[in-house]
Amino acid sequence: MFTIAPAAAEGSWMLAEALLRCSSVRERLDRALADLVALSVDCAWKARAVEAMLDRCAEQQHELAGVLDELGWIESGLRVG
């Protein structure tokens, strides 16, 4: 944070206040940037987790399709038998 000793010049207090506000805004922007970076990392992790779940669902869907084929074959066999 800035340390400002305003001179007696006209407007120096306004300049000092503006510099303090700028410093405060910069600190908030730095915190927001850190939050965005953390969010980006979190979203990347969640995206990988979702991809893994989608892969598992695709595998299970493939297995279920195989089971349905077998059930159709068994049903046909029972009708003939």
N, C-alpha and C. Protein backbone atom coordinates (compact mmCIF):
# COMPACT_ATOMS: atom_id res chain seq x y z
N MET A 1 0.84 -1.16 0.00
CA MET A 1 0.00 0.00 0.00
C MET A 1 0.89 1.22 0.00
N PHE A 2 0.42 2.28 -0.61
CA PHE A 2 1.17 3.52 -0.71
C PHE A 2 1.14 4.28 0.61
N THR A 3 2.24 4.96 0.88
CA THR A 3 2.26 5.92 1.98
C THR A 3 2.45 7.28 1.35
N ILE A 4 1.50 8.13 1.57
CA ILE A 4 1.52 9.42 0.89
C ILE A 4 1.44 10.53 1.93
N ALA A 5 2.35 11.47 1.79
CA ALA A 5 2.31 12.66 2.64
C ALA A 5 2.00 13.82 1.72
N PRO A 6 0.75 14.16 1.60
CA PRO A 6 0.38 15.19 0.64
C PRO A 6 1.03 16.53 0.97
N ALA A 7 1.44 17.18 -0.07
CA ALA A 7 2.03 18.51 0.09
C ALA A 7 0.89 19.52 0.27
N ALA A 8 1.25 20.72 0.47
CA ALA A 8 0.25 21.75 0.67
C ALA A 8 -0.39 22.17 -0.64
N ALA A 9 0.08 21.61 -1.75
CA ALA A 9 -0.45 22.00 -3.06
C ALA A 9 -1.93 21.67 -3.15
N GLU A 10 -2.62 22.50 -3.89
CA GLU A 10 -4.06 22.31 -4.06
C GLU A 10 -4.33 21.00 -4.79
N GLY A 11 -5.25 20.23 -4.30
CA GLY A 11 -5.62 18.96 -4.94
C GLY A 11 -4.78 17.78 -4.49
N SER A 12 -3.79 17.99 -3.63
CA SER A 12 -2.93 16.89 -3.23
C SER A 12 -3.69 15.84 -2.41
N TRP A 13 -4.68 16.25 -1.61
CA TRP A 13 -5.48 15.29 -0.86
C TRP A 13 -6.32 14.45 -1.81
N MET A 14 -6.86 15.09 -2.84
CA MET A 14 -7.65 14.33 -3.81
C MET A 14 -6.77 13.33 -4.54
N LEU A 15 -5.53 13.74 -4.86
CA LEU A 15 -4.60 12.82 -5.51
C LEU A 15 -4.27 11.65 -4.58
N ALA A 16 -4.04 11.96 -3.32
CA ALA A 16 -3.74 10.91 -2.35
C ALA A 16 -4.90 9.94 -2.22
N GLU A 17 -6.12 10.44 -2.15
CA GLU A 17 -7.30 9.57 -2.05
C GLU A 17 -7.46 8.74 -3.31
N ALA A 18 -7.22 9.33 -4.46
CA ALA A 18 -7.34 8.60 -5.72
C ALA A 18 -6.29 7.49 -5.78
N LEU A 19 -5.08 7.77 -5.33
CA LEU A 19 -4.04 6.74 -5.32
C LEU A 19 -4.40 5.59 -4.37
N LEU A 20 -4.98 5.93 -3.23
CA LEU A 20 -5.41 4.89 -2.29
C LEU A 20 -6.53 4.04 -2.89
N ARG A 21 -7.48 4.69 -3.57
CA ARG A 21 -8.56 3.93 -4.22
C ARG A 21 -7.99 3.03 -5.31
N CYS A 22 -7.03 3.54 -6.07
CA CYS A 22 -6.41 2.72 -7.12
C CYS A 22 -5.69 1.51 -6.51
N SER A 23 -5.02 1.75 -5.40
CA SER A 23 -4.34 0.65 -4.72
C SER A 23 -5.34 -0.39 -4.24
N SER A 24 -6.45 0.07 -3.69
CA SER A 24 -7.48 -0.84 -3.21
C SER A 24 -8.09 -1.64 -4.37
N VAL A 25 -8.34 -0.94 -5.47
CA VAL A 25 -8.90 -1.63 -6.65
C VAL A 25 -7.91 -2.65 -7.17
N ARG A 26 -6.63 -2.31 -7.18
CA ARG A 26 -5.62 -3.25 -7.66
C ARG A 26 -5.59 -4.50 -6.78
N GLU A 27 -5.69 -4.32 -5.46
CA GLU A 27 -5.72 -5.48 -4.57
C GLU A 27 -6.94 -6.36 -4.85
N ARG A 28 -8.10 -5.74 -5.07
CA ARG A 28 -9.31 -6.52 -5.40
C ARG A 28 -9.14 -7.24 -6.73
N LEU A 29 -8.54 -6.58 -7.71
CA LEU A 29 -8.31 -7.22 -9.01
C LEU A 29 -7.34 -8.40 -8.88
N ASP A 30 -6.31 -8.24 -8.06
CA ASP A 30 -5.37 -9.34 -7.83
C ASP A 30 -6.07 -10.53 -7.20
N ARG A 31 -6.96 -10.26 -6.21
CA ARG A 31 -7.72 -11.35 -5.58
C ARG A 31 -8.66 -12.00 -6.60
N ALA A 32 -9.31 -11.19 -7.43
CA ALA A 32 -10.22 -11.74 -8.44
C ALA A 32 -9.45 -12.60 -9.44
N LEU A 33 -8.26 -12.15 -9.83
CA LEU A 33 -7.45 -12.93 -10.76
C LEU A 33 -7.06 -14.27 -10.13
N ALA A 34 -6.67 -14.23 -8.86
CA ALA A 34 -6.32 -15.48 -8.18
C ALA A 34 -7.53 -16.41 -8.12
N ASP A 35 -8.71 -15.86 -7.87
CA ASP A 35 -9.93 -16.68 -7.85
C ASP A 35 -10.21 -17.28 -9.22
N LEU A 36 -10.00 -16.50 -10.27
CA LEU A 36 -10.23 -17.00 -11.63
C LEU A 36 -9.25 -18.11 -11.99
N VAL A 37 -8.01 -17.97 -11.57
CA VAL A 37 -7.02 -19.02 -11.83
C VAL A 37 -7.43 -20.29 -11.09
N ALA A 38 -7.85 -20.15 -9.83
CA ALA A 38 -8.30 -21.32 -9.07
C ALA A 38 -9.52 -21.95 -9.72
N LEU A 39 -10.44 -21.13 -10.20
CA LEU A 39 -11.63 -21.65 -10.87
C LEU A 39 -11.26 -22.39 -12.15
N SER A 40 -10.30 -21.87 -12.87
CA SER A 40 -9.84 -22.52 -14.10
C SER A 40 -9.28 -23.90 -13.79
N VAL A 41 -8.47 -24.00 -12.74
CA VAL A 41 -7.91 -25.29 -12.34
C VAL A 41 -9.02 -26.24 -11.92
N ASP A 42 -9.98 -25.73 -11.14
CA ASP A 42 -11.10 -26.54 -10.67
C ASP A 42 -11.94 -27.03 -11.85
N CYS A 43 -12.21 -26.13 -12.79
CA CYS A 43 -13.01 -26.52 -13.95
C CYS A 43 -12.30 -27.57 -14.80
N ALA A 44 -10.99 -27.43 -14.93
CA ALA A 44 -10.22 -28.42 -15.70
C ALA A 44 -10.32 -29.79 -15.03
N TRP A 45 -10.21 -29.80 -13.70
CA TRP A 45 -10.32 -31.07 -12.98
C TRP A 45 -11.71 -31.66 -13.17
N LYS A 46 -12.74 -30.82 -13.06
CA LYS A 46 -14.11 -31.31 -13.23
C LYS A 46 -14.35 -31.78 -14.65
N ALA A 47 -13.77 -31.10 -15.63
CA ALA A 47 -13.93 -31.52 -17.03
C ALA A 47 -13.33 -32.91 -17.23
N ARG A 48 -12.16 -33.15 -16.64
CA ARG A 48 -11.54 -34.48 -16.76
C ARG A 48 -12.41 -35.54 -16.07
N ALA A 49 -13.00 -35.18 -14.94
CA ALA A 49 -13.87 -36.13 -14.23
C ALA A 49 -15.11 -36.44 -15.07
N VAL A 50 -15.67 -35.43 -15.71
CA VAL A 50 -16.85 -35.65 -16.56
C VAL A 50 -16.48 -36.53 -17.75
N GLU A 51 -15.31 -36.28 -18.35
CA GLU A 51 -14.88 -37.12 -19.47
C GLU A 51 -14.73 -38.57 -19.03
N ALA A 52 -14.17 -38.78 -17.86
CA ALA A 52 -14.02 -40.15 -17.36
C ALA A 52 -15.38 -40.80 -17.14
N MET A 53 -16.33 -40.05 -16.59
CA MET A 53 -17.67 -40.59 -16.38
C MET A 53 -18.35 -40.90 -17.71
N LEU A 54 -18.16 -40.04 -18.71
CA LEU A 54 -18.74 -40.30 -20.03
C LEU A 54 -18.14 -41.55 -20.65
N ASP A 55 -16.84 -41.75 -20.46
CA ASP A 55 -16.20 -42.97 -20.97
C ASP A 55 -16.79 -44.21 -20.30
N ARG A 56 -16.98 -44.13 -18.97
CA ARG A 56 -17.57 -45.26 -18.26
C ARG A 56 -18.99 -45.52 -18.74
N CYS A 57 -19.76 -44.46 -18.95
CA CYS A 57 -21.13 -44.63 -19.44
C CYS A 57 -21.14 -45.26 -20.83
N ALA A 58 -20.22 -44.86 -21.68
CA ALA A 58 -20.14 -45.44 -23.03
C ALA A 58 -19.80 -46.93 -22.95
N GLU A 59 -18.88 -47.28 -22.05
CA GLU A 59 -18.55 -48.70 -21.86
C GLU A 59 -19.76 -49.49 -21.39
N GLN A 60 -20.49 -48.94 -20.42
CA GLN A 60 -21.67 -49.63 -19.90
C GLN A 60 -22.76 -49.72 -20.96
N GLN A 61 -22.89 -48.69 -21.78
CA GLN A 61 -23.88 -48.72 -22.86
C GLN A 61 -23.52 -49.81 -23.86
N HIS A 62 -22.24 -49.97 -24.14
CA HIS A 62 -21.80 -51.02 -25.06
C HIS A 62 -22.09 -52.40 -24.47
N GLU A 63 -21.82 -52.56 -23.17
CA GLU A 63 -22.12 -53.83 -22.50
C GLU A 63 -23.62 -54.12 -22.53
N LEU A 64 -24.45 -53.10 -22.29
CA LEU A 64 -25.90 -53.29 -22.30
C LEU A 64 -26.39 -53.68 -23.69
N ALA A 65 -25.78 -53.10 -24.72
CA ALA A 65 -26.17 -53.46 -26.08
C ALA A 65 -25.87 -54.94 -26.32
N GLY A 66 -24.74 -55.41 -25.81
CA GLY A 66 -24.41 -56.83 -25.94
C GLY A 66 -25.40 -57.71 -25.20
N VAL A 67 -25.80 -57.29 -24.02
CA VAL A 67 -26.78 -58.06 -23.24
C VAL A 67 -28.12 -58.09 -23.96
N LEU A 68 -28.53 -56.96 -24.54
CA LEU A 68 -29.79 -56.94 -25.28
C LEU A 68 -29.76 -57.88 -26.48
N ASP A 69 -28.61 -57.94 -27.15
CA ASP A 69 -28.47 -58.89 -28.27
C ASP A 69 -28.62 -60.33 -27.78
N GLU A 70 -27.98 -60.62 -26.66
CA GLU A 70 -28.08 -61.97 -26.10
C GLU A 70 -29.51 -62.29 -25.69
N LEU A 71 -30.20 -61.32 -25.10
CA LEU A 71 -31.59 -61.55 -24.69
C LEU A 71 -32.47 -61.81 -25.91
N GLY A 72 -32.20 -61.10 -26.99
CA GLY A 72 -32.96 -61.36 -28.22
C GLY A 72 -32.71 -62.76 -28.74
N TRP A 73 -31.47 -63.21 -28.65
CA TRP A 73 -31.13 -64.57 -29.10
C TRP A 73 -31.79 -65.59 -28.20
N ILE A 74 -31.78 -65.36 -26.89
CA ILE A 74 -32.42 -66.29 -25.94
C ILE A 74 -33.93 -66.32 -26.17
N GLU A 75 -34.53 -65.15 -26.40
CA GLU A 75 -35.97 -65.10 -26.65
C GLU A 75 -36.33 -65.89 -27.91
N SER A 76 -35.53 -65.73 -28.94
CA SER A 76 -35.77 -66.49 -30.17
C SER A 76 -35.66 -67.99 -29.92
N GLY A 77 -34.67 -68.38 -29.14
CA GLY A 77 -34.48 -69.79 -28.82
C GLY A 77 -35.65 -70.36 -28.03
N LEU A 78 -36.19 -69.57 -27.11
CA LEU A 78 -37.31 -70.03 -26.31
C LEU A 78 -38.57 -70.18 -27.15
N ARG A 79 -38.74 -69.28 -28.12
CA ARG A 79 -39.93 -69.38 -28.98
C ARG A 79 -39.85 -70.62 -29.87
N VAL A 80 -38.67 -70.94 -30.33
CA VAL A 80 -38.50 -72.10 -31.20
C VAL A 80 -38.62 -73.38 -30.40
N GLY A 81 -38.04 -73.39 -29.22
CA GLY A 81 -37.94 -74.58 -28.40
C GLY A 81 -39.19 -75.01 -27.79
